[in-house]
Amino acid sequence: MSTILRGRTIDGWLFVAPAVVVLGLFLAFPVVMAAWVSVSDWHGHGSPFSSDVGFVGLDNYRAILSGGGLAERDFGTALRNNFYYVLIVVPLQTVLALALAVLVNARALKLRGFFRTAFYFPSVTSAVAITVLWLFLFSTTGPVNRVLGWVGLHGPNWFNDPRGVLHLLLGAVGVDQPPAALVSHGFLGVTWWDWFAGPSVGMSALILLAAFTTSGTFMLLFIAALRSIGDEIDEAGMVDGANAWQRFRHLTLPLLRPTMFTVLTLGLIGTWQVFDQIYTGTQGGPAKTTVTPAYLSFHTAFENQQWGQGAAIAFILFAIIVVMTLAQRAILRGRS
């Protein structure tokens, strides 16, 4: 009997061996190599495992988190920009995706297949093409500013305006000068006044772009969840005298909690990793107000040839995503 079990174990390992080799070669090994680069002084020439590459410990991480120089300030700026991006995009795309799913799932709506395709189309379109379209729409003389002009508003120079939205709102109510306490102190090389600047005007346009391109994908997840609930739940609510909003709020929405968690998790991960819109759209400008940690990691490594700091930024970003995902999971589990 033991011989038969031993033979089955060997057969099992032989079957999974190709997958293990592929995962190890293309997933585990690059992660190990990146971890080594983040604690080394490798400058991108030759093998990072060669004898002339030195071990610098946590120096790259210290330069980013507490170095007091440009590296720390750039990372603080990127973290602030991405924080506001996540804070606005995740709830916006979730609410928009749920609203679209409820809309196209309604029985009374005709041409539901057409609307599903139309809403999903931006998600399958090239990110470069969508970004170029967005640059045209939000240009100084573009359609968005023309529409704003029709209602008497003077549209900003969207992708060249580094001013923060919250600062603009404070300026509208007469708060033009920052309090001394917010200017004299800060975090990661960025003053608290700049932390409270909010997303820049340029980043606001990119936030709208993210909501436009990702809502269609999450809409499909919500449609699948709505169809799995079935009509009997809704009919039971109607028998009890609940109106449409009460049935959605107290019956449908609680049953969508697993899908909601999936959408929020995927949205959280995707928004912290935003890169392609930044690279093709603004290159981090104006005044670094659209730089994100993912773009900063690329820029530091590939353009500044500081591969150790670039890899360190990537690992710090990974830690942020893991912590935020676990916190989100704990919050949603507590509410359930």
C-alpha atoms as a PDB file:
ATOM      1  CA  MET A   1       0.000   0.000   0.000  1.00  0.00           C
ATOM      2  CA  SER A   2       2.775   2.426   0.911  1.00  0.00           C
ATOM      3  CA  THR A   3       4.484   1.668  -2.403  1.00  0.00           C
ATOM      4  CA  ILE A   4       1.283   2.602  -4.277  1.00  0.00           C
ATOM      5  CA  LEU A   5       0.918   5.862  -2.310  1.00  0.00           C
ATOM      6  CA  ARG A   6       4.579   6.721  -2.863  1.00  0.00           C
ATOM      7  CA  GLY A   7       4.116   6.124  -6.590  1.00  0.00           C
ATOM      8  CA  ARG A   8       1.042   8.395  -6.687  1.00  0.00           C
ATOM      9  CA  THR A   9       2.956  11.103  -4.839  1.00  0.00           C
ATOM     10  CA  ILE A  10       5.761  10.961  -7.383  1.00  0.00           C
ATOM     11  CA  ASP A  11       3.231  11.078 -10.242  1.00  0.00           C
ATOM     12  CA  GLY A  12       1.594  14.117  -8.663  1.00  0.00           C
ATOM     13  CA  TRP A  13       4.884  15.972  -8.377  1.00  0.00           C
ATOM     14  CA  LEU A  14       5.722  15.108 -11.984  1.00  0.00           C
ATOM     15  CA  PHE A  15       2.405  16.579 -13.129  1.00  0.00           C
ATOM     16  CA  VAL A  16       2.848  19.857 -11.215  1.00  0.00           C
ATOM     17  CA  ALA A  17       6.587  20.126 -11.855  1.00  0.00           C
ATOM     18  CA  PRO A  18       6.240  22.157 -15.117  1.00  0.00           C
ATOM     19  CA  ALA A  19       3.964  24.685 -13.395  1.00  0.00           C
ATOM     20  CA  VAL A  20       6.308  24.910 -10.404  1.00  0.00           C
ATOM     21  CA  VAL A  21       9.307  25.478 -12.697  1.00  0.00           C
ATOM     22  CA  VAL A  22       7.488  28.173 -14.707  1.00  0.00           C
ATOM     23  CA  LEU A  23       6.257  29.982 -11.571  1.00  0.00           C
ATOM     24  CA  GLY A  24       9.678  29.775  -9.998  1.00  0.00           C
ATOM     25  CA  LEU A  25      11.431  31.046 -13.121  1.00  0.00           C
ATOM     26  CA  PHE A  26       9.069  33.892 -13.991  1.00  0.00           C
ATOM     27  CA  LEU A  27       7.628  34.838 -10.575  1.00  0.00           C
ATOM     28  CA  ALA A  28       9.704  33.765  -7.595  1.00  0.00           C
ATOM     29  CA  PHE A  29      13.138  34.420  -9.122  1.00  0.00           C
ATOM     30  CA  PRO A  30      12.346  37.995 -10.292  1.00  0.00           C
ATOM     31  CA  VAL A  31      10.948  38.788  -6.837  1.00  0.00           C
ATOM     32  CA  VAL A  32      14.092  37.469  -5.147  1.00  0.00           C
ATOM     33  CA  MET A  33      16.290  39.378  -7.606  1.00  0.00           C
ATOM     34  CA  ALA A  34      14.323  42.617  -7.032  1.00  0.00           C
ATOM     35  CA  ALA A  35      14.609  42.136  -3.258  1.00  0.00           C
ATOM     36  CA  TRP A  36      18.391  41.800  -3.619  1.00  0.00           C
ATOM     37  CA  VAL A  37      18.595  44.856  -5.886  1.00  0.00           C
ATOM     38  CA  SER A  38      16.704  46.908  -3.271  1.00  0.00           C
ATOM     39  CA  VAL A  39      19.480  46.263  -0.722  1.00  0.00           C
ATOM     40  CA  SER A  40      22.397  46.613  -3.142  1.00  0.00           C
ATOM     41  CA  ASP A  41      24.225  49.366  -5.037  1.00  0.00           C
ATOM     42  CA  TRP A  42      23.574  47.836  -8.470  1.00  0.00           C
ATOM     43  CA  HIS A  43      23.431  50.501 -11.209  1.00  0.00           C
ATOM     44  CA  GLY A  44      21.903  48.456 -14.009  1.00  0.00           C
ATOM     45  CA  HIS A  45      25.130  47.232 -15.625  1.00  0.00           C
ATOM     46  CA  GLY A  46      25.917  43.535 -15.717  1.00  0.00           C
ATOM     47  CA  SER A  47      24.424  40.963 -13.405  1.00  0.00           C
ATOM     48  CA  PRO A  48      23.064  42.176 -10.056  1.00  0.00           C
ATOM     49  CA  PHE A  49      24.590  39.032  -8.537  1.00  0.00           C
ATOM     50  CA  SER A  50      28.128  39.758  -9.753  1.00  0.00           C
ATOM     51  CA  SER A  51      30.943  40.208  -7.226  1.00  0.00           C
ATOM     52  CA  ASP A  52      31.318  43.964  -7.881  1.00  0.00           C
ATOM     53  CA  VAL A  53      27.772  44.675  -6.635  1.00  0.00           C
ATOM     54  CA  GLY A  54      27.838  45.612  -2.963  1.00  0.00           C
ATOM     55  CA  PHE A  55      25.368  45.033  -0.152  1.00  0.00           C
ATOM     56  CA  VAL A  56      24.155  48.345   1.315  1.00  0.00           C
ATOM     57  CA  GLY A  57      21.590  47.007   3.744  1.00  0.00           C
ATOM     58  CA  LEU A  58      18.586  49.293   4.200  1.00  0.00           C
ATOM     59  CA  ASP A  59      20.295  52.441   2.868  1.00  0.00           C
ATOM     60  CA  ASN A  60      17.985  52.659  -0.136  1.00  0.00           C
ATOM     61  CA  TYR A  61      14.913  52.385   2.106  1.00  0.00           C
ATOM     62  CA  ARG A  62      16.350  55.019   4.513  1.00  0.00           C
ATOM     63  CA  ALA A  63      16.995  57.422   1.629  1.00  0.00           C
ATOM     64  CA  ILE A  64      13.360  57.135   0.577  1.00  0.00           C
ATOM     65  CA  LEU A  65      11.704  57.163   3.990  1.00  0.00           C
ATOM     66  CA  SER A  66      13.983  59.336   6.138  1.00  0.00           C
ATOM     67  CA  GLY A  67      16.873  60.575   4.011  1.00  0.00           C
ATOM     68  CA  GLY A  68      15.756  64.188   4.107  1.00  0.00           C
ATOM     69  CA  GLY A  69      16.702  64.717   0.458  1.00  0.00           C
ATOM     70  CA  LEU A  70      15.032  64.783  -2.909  1.00  0.00           C
ATOM     71  CA  ALA A  71      14.337  61.025  -2.845  1.00  0.00           C
ATOM     72  CA  GLU A  72      12.265  61.336   0.332  1.00  0.00           C
ATOM     73  CA  ARG A  73      10.410  64.406  -0.926  1.00  0.00           C
ATOM     74  CA  ASP A  74       9.628  62.782  -4.278  1.00  0.00           C
ATOM     75  CA  PHE A  75       8.333  59.654  -2.554  1.00  0.00           C
ATOM     76  CA  GLY A  76       6.213  61.740  -0.174  1.00  0.00           C
ATOM     77  CA  THR A  77       4.793  63.693  -3.106  1.00  0.00           C
ATOM     78  CA  ALA A  78       4.045  60.492  -5.029  1.00  0.00           C
ATOM     79  CA  LEU A  79       2.394  58.951  -1.976  1.00  0.00           C
ATOM     80  CA  ARG A  80       0.213  62.025  -1.463  1.00  0.00           C
ATOM     81  CA  ASN A  81      -0.827  62.095  -5.123  1.00  0.00           C
ATOM     82  CA  ASN A  82      -1.675  58.391  -5.144  1.00  0.00           C
ATOM     83  CA  PHE A  83      -3.511  58.621  -1.808  1.00  0.00           C
ATOM     84  CA  TYR A  84      -6.011  61.135  -3.199  1.00  0.00           C
ATOM     85  CA  TYR A  85      -6.251  59.112  -6.420  1.00  0.00           C
ATOM     86  CA  VAL A  86      -7.198  55.972  -4.458  1.00  0.00           C
ATOM     87  CA  LEU A  87      -9.472  57.881  -2.075  1.00  0.00           C
ATOM     88  CA  ILE A  88     -11.605  59.213  -4.931  1.00  0.00           C
ATOM     89  CA  VAL A  89     -11.340  56.606  -7.683  1.00  0.00           C
ATOM     90  CA  VAL A  90     -12.197  53.473  -5.648  1.00  0.00           C
ATOM     91  CA  PRO A  91     -15.579  54.668  -4.277  1.00  0.00           C
ATOM     92  CA  LEU A  92     -16.394  56.519  -7.511  1.00  0.00           C
ATOM     93  CA  GLN A  93     -15.810  53.547  -9.810  1.00  0.00           C
ATOM     94  CA  THR A  94     -17.604  51.189  -7.394  1.00  0.00           C
ATOM     95  CA  VAL A  95     -20.734  53.336  -7.158  1.00  0.00           C
ATOM     96  CA  LEU A  96     -20.718  54.001 -10.902  1.00  0.00           C
ATOM     97  CA  ALA A  97     -20.261  50.305 -11.738  1.00  0.00           C
ATOM     98  CA  LEU A  98     -23.094  49.299  -9.396  1.00  0.00           C
ATOM     99  CA  ALA A  99     -25.396  51.968 -10.837  1.00  0.00           C
ATOM    100  CA  LEU A 100     -24.646  50.858 -14.407  1.00  0.00           C
ATOM    101  CA  ALA A 101     -25.197  47.202 -13.471  1.00  0.00           C
ATOM    102  CA  VAL A 102     -28.583  47.941 -11.901  1.00  0.00           C
ATOM    103  CA  LEU A 103     -29.515  50.051 -14.925  1.00  0.00           C
ATOM    104  CA  VAL A 104     -28.655  47.505 -17.629  1.00  0.00           C
ATOM    105  CA  ASN A 105     -30.100  44.662 -15.535  1.00  0.00           C
ATOM    106  CA  ALA A 106     -33.528  46.288 -15.390  1.00  0.00           C
ATOM    107  CA  ARG A 107     -36.198  44.369 -17.279  1.00  0.00           C
ATOM    108  CA  ALA A 108     -37.846  47.528 -18.570  1.00  0.00           C
ATOM    109  CA  LEU A 109     -34.698  48.649 -20.368  1.00  0.00           C
ATOM    110  CA  LYS A 110     -34.598  47.852 -24.068  1.00  0.00           C
ATOM    111  CA  LEU A 111     -31.357  47.154 -25.956  1.00  0.00           C
ATOM    112  CA  ARG A 112     -29.684  45.963 -22.754  1.00  0.00           C
ATOM    113  CA  GLY A 113     -27.017  44.123 -24.735  1.00  0.00           C
ATOM    114  CA  PHE A 114     -26.122  47.308 -26.590  1.00  0.00           C
ATOM    115  CA  PHE A 115     -25.780  49.311 -23.380  1.00  0.00           C
ATOM    116  CA  ARG A 116     -23.691  46.586 -21.707  1.00  0.00           C
ATOM    117  CA  THR A 117     -21.322  46.622 -24.667  1.00  0.00           C
ATOM    118  CA  ALA A 118     -21.216  50.412 -24.785  1.00  0.00           C
ATOM    119  CA  PHE A 119     -20.419  50.734 -21.072  1.00  0.00           C
ATOM    120  CA  TYR A 120     -17.822  47.948 -21.219  1.00  0.00           C
ATOM    121  CA  PHE A 121     -16.133  49.238 -24.373  1.00  0.00           C
ATOM    122  CA  PRO A 122     -13.754  51.715 -22.615  1.00  0.00           C
ATOM    123  CA  SER A 123     -12.376  48.853 -20.512  1.00  0.00           C
ATOM    124  CA  VAL A 124     -11.133  46.942 -23.564  1.00  0.00           C
ATOM    125  CA  THR A 125      -9.856  49.957 -25.457  1.00  0.00           C
ATOM    126  CA  SER A 126      -6.127  50.638 -25.430  1.00  0.00           C
ATOM    127  CA  ALA A 127      -5.073  52.702 -22.422  1.00  0.00           C
ATOM    128  CA  VAL A 128      -2.857  54.776 -24.701  1.00  0.00           C
ATOM    129  CA  ALA A 129      -5.747  55.581 -27.053  1.00  0.00           C
ATOM    130  CA  ILE A 130      -8.041  56.511 -24.168  1.00  0.00           C
ATOM    131  CA  THR A 131      -5.358  58.701 -22.605  1.00  0.00           C
ATOM    132  CA  VAL A 132      -4.731  60.536 -25.889  1.00  0.00           C
ATOM    133  CA  LEU A 133      -8.481  61.081 -26.188  1.00  0.00           C
ATOM    134  CA  TRP A 134      -8.523  62.456 -22.649  1.00  0.00           C
ATOM    135  CA  LEU A 135      -5.656  64.833 -23.412  1.00  0.00           C
ATOM    136  CA  PHE A 136      -7.714  66.197 -26.297  1.00  0.00           C
ATOM    137  CA  LEU A 137     -10.953  66.470 -24.306  1.00  0.00           C
ATOM    138  CA  PHE A 138      -9.256  68.287 -21.399  1.00  0.00           C
ATOM    139  CA  SER A 139      -6.954  70.500 -23.450  1.00  0.00           C
ATOM    140  CA  THR A 140      -7.182  74.257 -22.937  1.00  0.00           C
ATOM    141  CA  THR A 141      -9.434  74.719 -25.979  1.00  0.00           C
ATOM    142  CA  GLY A 142     -10.928  71.225 -25.790  1.00  0.00           C
ATOM    143  CA  PRO A 143     -14.589  70.185 -25.629  1.00  0.00           C
ATOM    144  CA  VAL A 144     -14.697  70.086 -21.810  1.00  0.00           C
ATOM    145  CA  ASN A 145     -13.656  73.720 -21.437  1.00  0.00           C
ATOM    146  CA  ARG A 146     -16.008  74.689 -24.264  1.00  0.00           C
ATOM    147  CA  VAL A 147     -18.936  73.100 -22.419  1.00  0.00           C
ATOM    148  CA  LEU A 148     -17.892  74.848 -19.210  1.00  0.00           C
ATOM    149  CA  GLY A 149     -17.798  78.111 -21.172  1.00  0.00           C
ATOM    150  CA  TRP A 150     -21.435  77.633 -22.202  1.00  0.00           C
ATOM    151  CA  VAL A 151     -22.464  77.864 -18.533  1.00  0.00           C
ATOM    152  CA  GLY A 152     -20.194  80.815 -17.837  1.00  0.00           C
ATOM    153  CA  LEU A 153     -17.266  78.933 -16.286  1.00  0.00           C
ATOM    154  CA  HIS A 154     -13.653  79.428 -17.314  1.00  0.00           C
ATOM    155  CA  GLY A 155     -12.097  75.989 -17.566  1.00  0.00           C
ATOM    156  CA  PRO A 156      -8.565  75.469 -16.231  1.00  0.00           C
ATOM    157  CA  ASN A 157      -5.517  74.433 -18.182  1.00  0.00           C
ATOM    158  CA  TRP A 158      -6.112  70.926 -16.901  1.00  0.00           C
ATOM    159  CA  PHE A 159      -2.851  69.072 -17.510  1.00  0.00           C
ATOM    160  CA  ASN A 160      -0.647  72.110 -16.828  1.00  0.00           C
ATOM    161  CA  ASP A 161      -2.227  73.286 -13.574  1.00  0.00           C
ATOM    162  CA  PRO A 162      -0.389  71.999 -10.453  1.00  0.00           C
ATOM    163  CA  ARG A 163      -2.732  73.672  -7.948  1.00  0.00           C
ATOM    164  CA  GLY A 164      -4.501  71.401  -5.484  1.00  0.00           C
ATOM    165  CA  VAL A 165      -8.282  71.274  -5.554  1.00  0.00           C
ATOM    166  CA  LEU A 166      -8.616  71.750  -1.781  1.00  0.00           C
ATOM    167  CA  HIS A 167      -6.282  74.750  -1.913  1.00  0.00           C
ATOM    168  CA  LEU A 168      -8.438  76.223  -4.665  1.00  0.00           C
ATOM    169  CA  LEU A 169     -11.560  75.730  -2.549  1.00  0.00           C
ATOM    170  CA  LEU A 170      -9.878  77.347   0.456  1.00  0.00           C
ATOM    171  CA  GLY A 171      -8.768  80.228  -1.746  1.00  0.00           C
ATOM    172  CA  ALA A 172     -12.378  80.693  -2.886  1.00  0.00           C
ATOM    173  CA  VAL A 173     -13.425  81.331   0.730  1.00  0.00           C
ATOM    174  CA  GLY A 174     -10.523  83.686   1.398  1.00  0.00           C
ATOM    175  CA  VAL A 175      -7.888  81.329   2.855  1.00  0.00           C
ATOM    176  CA  ASP A 176      -4.875  82.131   0.689  1.00  0.00           C
ATOM    177  CA  GLN A 177      -2.031  81.913   3.213  1.00  0.00           C
ATOM    178  CA  PRO A 178      -1.217  78.611   4.942  1.00  0.00           C
ATOM    179  CA  PRO A 179      -1.093  78.451   8.765  1.00  0.00           C
ATOM    180  CA  ALA A 180       2.473  78.498  10.081  1.00  0.00           C
ATOM    181  CA  ALA A 181       1.983  75.202  11.921  1.00  0.00           C
ATOM    182  CA  LEU A 182       1.163  73.393   8.676  1.00  0.00           C
ATOM    183  CA  VAL A 183       4.162  74.851   6.845  1.00  0.00           C
ATOM    184  CA  SER A 184       6.775  74.247   9.544  1.00  0.00           C
ATOM    185  CA  HIS A 185       5.969  70.544   9.952  1.00  0.00           C
ATOM    186  CA  GLY A 186       5.408  67.739   7.515  1.00  0.00           C
ATOM    187  CA  PHE A 187       5.795  64.072   6.654  1.00  0.00           C
ATOM    188  CA  LEU A 188       8.167  62.429   4.163  1.00  0.00           C
ATOM    189  CA  GLY A 189       9.617  65.793   3.145  1.00  0.00           C
ATOM    190  CA  VAL A 190       6.209  67.276   2.292  1.00  0.00           C
ATOM    191  CA  THR A 191       4.647  69.927   4.515  1.00  0.00           C
ATOM    192  CA  TRP A 192       1.217  69.275   6.000  1.00  0.00           C
ATOM    193  CA  TRP A 193      -0.101  72.216   3.975  1.00  0.00           C
ATOM    194  CA  ASP A 194       0.942  70.415   0.787  1.00  0.00           C
ATOM    195  CA  TRP A 195      -0.469  67.121   2.088  1.00  0.00           C
ATOM    196  CA  PHE A 196      -3.848  68.868   2.449  1.00  0.00           C
ATOM    197  CA  ALA A 197      -3.664  70.329  -1.070  1.00  0.00           C
ATOM    198  CA  GLY A 198      -5.888  67.576  -2.428  1.00  0.00           C
ATOM    199  CA  PRO A 199      -5.486  66.190  -5.947  1.00  0.00           C
ATOM    200  CA  SER A 200      -4.115  68.665  -8.452  1.00  0.00           C
ATOM    201  CA  VAL A 201      -6.246  69.867 -11.341  1.00  0.00           C
ATOM    202  CA  GLY A 202      -4.265  67.579 -13.656  1.00  0.00           C
ATOM    203  CA  MET A 203      -4.749  64.581 -11.341  1.00  0.00           C
ATOM    204  CA  SER A 204      -8.489  65.327 -11.196  1.00  0.00           C
ATOM    205  CA  ALA A 205      -8.708  64.778 -14.946  1.00  0.00           C
ATOM    206  CA  LEU A 206      -6.840  61.470 -14.558  1.00  0.00           C
ATOM    207  CA  ILE A 207      -9.242  60.460 -11.779  1.00  0.00           C
ATOM    208  CA  LEU A 208     -12.168  60.936 -14.147  1.00  0.00           C
ATOM    209  CA  LEU A 209     -10.265  58.919 -16.756  1.00  0.00           C
ATOM    210  CA  ALA A 210      -9.804  56.008 -14.321  1.00  0.00           C
ATOM    211  CA  ALA A 211     -13.479  55.982 -13.358  1.00  0.00           C
ATOM    212  CA  PHE A 212     -14.462  56.049 -17.038  1.00  0.00           C
ATOM    213  CA  THR A 213     -12.225  53.133 -18.064  1.00  0.00           C
ATOM    214  CA  THR A 214     -12.662  50.772 -15.098  1.00  0.00           C
ATOM    215  CA  SER A 215     -16.367  51.045 -14.273  1.00  0.00           C
ATOM    216  CA  GLY A 216     -17.345  48.845 -17.215  1.00  0.00           C
ATOM    217  CA  THR A 217     -15.247  45.923 -15.995  1.00  0.00           C
ATOM    218  CA  PHE A 218     -16.657  46.043 -12.480  1.00  0.00           C
ATOM    219  CA  MET A 219     -20.143  46.490 -13.930  1.00  0.00           C
ATOM    220  CA  LEU A 220     -19.900  42.950 -15.341  1.00  0.00           C
ATOM    221  CA  LEU A 221     -19.096  41.563 -11.879  1.00  0.00           C
ATOM    222  CA  PHE A 222     -22.142  43.291 -10.407  1.00  0.00           C
ATOM    223  CA  ILE A 223     -24.369  42.079 -13.264  1.00  0.00           C
ATOM    224  CA  ALA A 224     -23.301  38.485 -12.626  1.00  0.00           C
ATOM    225  CA  ALA A 225     -23.997  38.916  -8.911  1.00  0.00           C
ATOM    226  CA  LEU A 226     -27.420  40.495  -9.514  1.00  0.00           C
ATOM    227  CA  ARG A 227     -28.445  37.619 -11.777  1.00  0.00           C
ATOM    228  CA  SER A 228     -27.347  35.042  -9.210  1.00  0.00           C
ATOM    229  CA  ILE A 229     -29.641  36.561  -6.572  1.00  0.00           C
ATOM    230  CA  GLY A 230     -32.810  35.637  -8.458  1.00  0.00           C
ATOM    231  CA  ASP A 231     -36.209  37.269  -8.636  1.00  0.00           C
ATOM    232  CA  GLU A 232     -37.777  35.498  -5.660  1.00  0.00           C
ATOM    233  CA  ILE A 233     -35.936  37.711  -3.162  1.00  0.00           C
ATOM    234  CA  ASP A 234     -37.244  40.847  -4.812  1.00  0.00           C
ATOM    235  CA  GLU A 235     -40.743  39.385  -5.066  1.00  0.00           C
ATOM    236  CA  ALA A 236     -40.711  38.509  -1.356  1.00  0.00           C
ATOM    237  CA  GLY A 237     -39.901  42.133  -0.580  1.00  0.00           C
ATOM    238  CA  MET A 238     -42.777  43.302  -2.769  1.00  0.00           C
ATOM    239  CA  VAL A 239     -45.157  40.979  -0.909  1.00  0.00           C
ATOM    240  CA  ASP A 240     -44.025  42.590   2.369  1.00  0.00           C
ATOM    241  CA  GLY A 241     -44.812  46.029   0.969  1.00  0.00           C
ATOM    242  CA  ALA A 242     -41.244  47.316   0.482  1.00  0.00           C
ATOM    243  CA  ASN A 243     -40.700  49.897  -2.219  1.00  0.00           C
ATOM    244  CA  ALA A 244     -37.971  49.663  -4.859  1.00  0.00           C
ATOM    245  CA  TRP A 245     -35.339  51.547  -2.825  1.00  0.00           C
ATOM    246  CA  GLN A 246     -36.081  49.536   0.360  1.00  0.00           C
ATOM    247  CA  ARG A 247     -35.776  46.250  -1.543  1.00  0.00           C
ATOM    248  CA  PHE A 248     -32.456  47.337  -3.017  1.00  0.00           C
ATOM    249  CA  ARG A 249     -31.112  48.757   0.264  1.00  0.00           C
ATOM    250  CA  HIS A 250     -32.150  45.932   2.611  1.00  0.00           C
ATOM    251  CA  LEU A 251     -32.294  42.864   0.323  1.00  0.00           C
ATOM    252  CA  THR A 252     -30.131  43.249  -2.784  1.00  0.00           C
ATOM    253  CA  LEU A 253     -27.247  45.272  -1.397  1.00  0.00           C
ATOM    254  CA  PRO A 254     -26.422  42.891   1.528  1.00  0.00           C
ATOM    255  CA  LEU A 255     -26.375  39.961  -0.915  1.00  0.00           C
ATOM    256  CA  LEU A 256     -23.872  41.864  -3.071  1.00  0.00           C
ATOM    257  CA  ARG A 257     -21.368  42.105  -0.204  1.00  0.00           C
ATOM    258  CA  PRO A 258     -18.967  39.385  -1.542  1.00  0.00           C
ATOM    259  CA  THR A 259     -18.917  41.034  -4.968  1.00  0.00           C
ATOM    260  CA  MET A 260     -18.520  44.435  -3.335  1.00  0.00           C
ATOM    261  CA  PHE A 261     -15.474  43.147  -1.459  1.00  0.00           C
ATOM    262  CA  THR A 262     -13.970  41.798  -4.696  1.00  0.00           C
ATOM    263  CA  VAL A 263     -14.567  45.071  -6.547  1.00  0.00           C
ATOM    264  CA  LEU A 264     -13.131  47.169  -3.719  1.00  0.00           C
ATOM    265  CA  THR A 265     -10.081  44.920  -3.408  1.00  0.00           C
ATOM    266  CA  LEU A 266      -9.357  44.920  -7.141  1.00  0.00           C
ATOM    267  CA  GLY A 267      -9.968  48.660  -7.272  1.00  0.00           C
ATOM    268  CA  LEU A 268      -7.652  49.293  -4.346  1.00  0.00           C
ATOM    269  CA  ILE A 269      -4.844  47.228  -5.870  1.00  0.00           C
ATOM    270  CA  GLY A 270      -5.288  48.697  -9.344  1.00  0.00           C
ATOM    271  CA  THR A 271      -5.351  52.314  -8.196  1.00  0.00           C
ATOM    272  CA  TRP A 272      -2.205  51.955  -6.090  1.00  0.00           C
ATOM    273  CA  GLN A 273      -0.467  50.500  -9.145  1.00  0.00           C
ATOM    274  CA  VAL A 274      -1.560  53.194 -11.616  1.00  0.00           C
ATOM    275  CA  PHE A 275       1.195  53.752 -14.163  1.00  0.00           C
ATOM    276  CA  ASP A 276       0.149  53.679 -17.834  1.00  0.00           C
ATOM    277  CA  GLN A 277      -2.052  56.794 -17.745  1.00  0.00           C
ATOM    278  CA  ILE A 278       0.708  58.706 -15.969  1.00  0.00           C
ATOM    279  CA  TYR A 279       3.410  57.532 -18.359  1.00  0.00           C
ATOM    280  CA  THR A 280       1.457  58.237 -21.541  1.00  0.00           C
ATOM    281  CA  GLY A 281      -0.413  61.288 -20.274  1.00  0.00           C
ATOM    282  CA  THR A 282       1.593  63.592 -18.033  1.00  0.00           C
ATOM    283  CA  GLN A 283       4.983  61.972 -17.289  1.00  0.00           C
ATOM    284  CA  GLY A 284       4.379  63.017 -13.669  1.00  0.00           C
ATOM    285  CA  GLY A 285       3.815  66.707 -14.418  1.00  0.00           C
ATOM    286  CA  PRO A 286       2.913  69.426 -13.824  1.00  0.00           C
ATOM    287  CA  ALA A 287       5.317  70.044 -10.917  1.00  0.00           C
ATOM    288  CA  LYS A 288       5.241  66.314 -10.033  1.00  0.00           C
ATOM    289  CA  THR A 289       1.588  66.527  -8.982  1.00  0.00           C
ATOM    290  CA  THR A 290       0.669  63.392 -10.959  1.00  0.00           C
ATOM    291  CA  VAL A 291       3.690  61.303  -9.968  1.00  0.00           C
ATOM    292  CA  THR A 292       2.676  58.028  -8.328  1.00  0.00           C
ATOM    293  CA  PRO A 293       4.881  55.484  -6.508  1.00  0.00           C
ATOM    294  CA  ALA A 294       4.671  53.057  -9.459  1.00  0.00           C
ATOM    295  CA  TYR A 295       5.769  55.742 -11.916  1.00  0.00           C
ATOM    296  CA  LEU A 296       8.410  57.024  -9.492  1.00  0.00           C
ATOM    297  CA  SER A 297       9.827  53.492  -9.186  1.00  0.00           C
ATOM    298  CA  PHE A 298      10.128  53.273 -12.976  1.00  0.00           C
ATOM    299  CA  HIS A 299      11.585  56.783 -13.297  1.00  0.00           C
ATOM    300  CA  THR A 300      14.114  56.236 -10.504  1.00  0.00           C
ATOM    301  CA  ALA A 301      15.317  52.908 -11.864  1.00  0.00           C
ATOM    302  CA  PHE A 302      15.196  53.249 -15.649  1.00  0.00           C
ATOM    303  CA  GLU A 303      15.874  56.967 -16.120  1.00  0.00           C
ATOM    304  CA  ASN A 304      17.943  57.944 -13.063  1.00  0.00           C
ATOM    305  CA  GLN A 305      19.730  54.554 -12.996  1.00  0.00           C
ATOM    306  CA  GLN A 306      19.168  54.258  -9.242  1.00  0.00           C
ATOM    307  CA  TRP A 307      17.951  50.700  -9.370  1.00  0.00           C
ATOM    308  CA  GLY A 308      18.263  50.063  -5.644  1.00  0.00           C
ATOM    309  CA  GLN A 309      15.951  52.936  -4.743  1.00  0.00           C
ATOM    310  CA  GLY A 310      13.578  52.034  -7.581  1.00  0.00           C
ATOM    311  CA  ALA A 311      13.264  48.463  -6.289  1.00  0.00           C
ATOM    312  CA  ALA A 312      12.871  49.717  -2.712  1.00  0.00           C
ATOM    313  CA  ILE A 313       9.967  51.953  -3.785  1.00  0.00           C
ATOM    314  CA  ALA A 314       8.320  48.930  -5.425  1.00  0.00           C
ATOM    315  CA  PHE A 315       8.579  46.874  -2.224  1.00  0.00           C
ATOM    316  CA  ILE A 316       7.253  49.737  -0.079  1.00  0.00           C
ATOM    317  CA  LEU A 317       4.335  50.049  -2.497  1.00  0.00           C
ATOM    318  CA  PHE A 318       3.731  46.301  -2.187  1.00  0.00           C
ATOM    319  CA  ALA A 319       3.650  46.613   1.607  1.00  0.00           C
ATOM    320  CA  ILE A 320       1.174  49.515   1.382  1.00  0.00           C
ATOM    321  CA  ILE A 321      -1.149  47.480  -0.850  1.00  0.00           C
ATOM    322  CA  VAL A 322      -1.035  44.463   1.486  1.00  0.00           C
ATOM    323  CA  VAL A 323      -1.730  46.580   4.580  1.00  0.00           C
ATOM    324  CA  MET A 324      -4.566  48.488   2.924  1.00  0.00           C
ATOM    325  CA  THR A 325      -6.151  45.275   1.613  1.00  0.00           C
ATOM    326  CA  LEU A 326      -6.005  43.617   5.045  1.00  0.00           C
ATOM    327  CA  ALA A 327      -7.465  46.737   6.673  1.00  0.00           C
ATOM    328  CA  GLN A 328     -10.275  46.836   4.137  1.00  0.00           C
ATOM    329  CA  ARG A 329     -10.974  43.140   4.703  1.00  0.00           C
ATOM    330  CA  ALA A 330     -11.103  43.640   8.477  1.00  0.00           C
ATOM    331  CA  ILE A 331     -13.465  46.619   8.150  1.00  0.00           C
ATOM    332  CA  LEU A 332     -15.887  44.835   5.824  1.00  0.00           C
ATOM    333  CA  ARG A 333     -15.788  41.669   7.942  1.00  0.00           C
ATOM    334  CA  GLY A 334     -16.548  43.709  11.059  1.00  0.00           C
ATOM    335  CA  ARG A 335     -19.576  45.314   9.395  1.00  0.00           C
ATOM    336  CA  SER A 336     -20.903  41.952   8.232  1.00  0.00           C
END
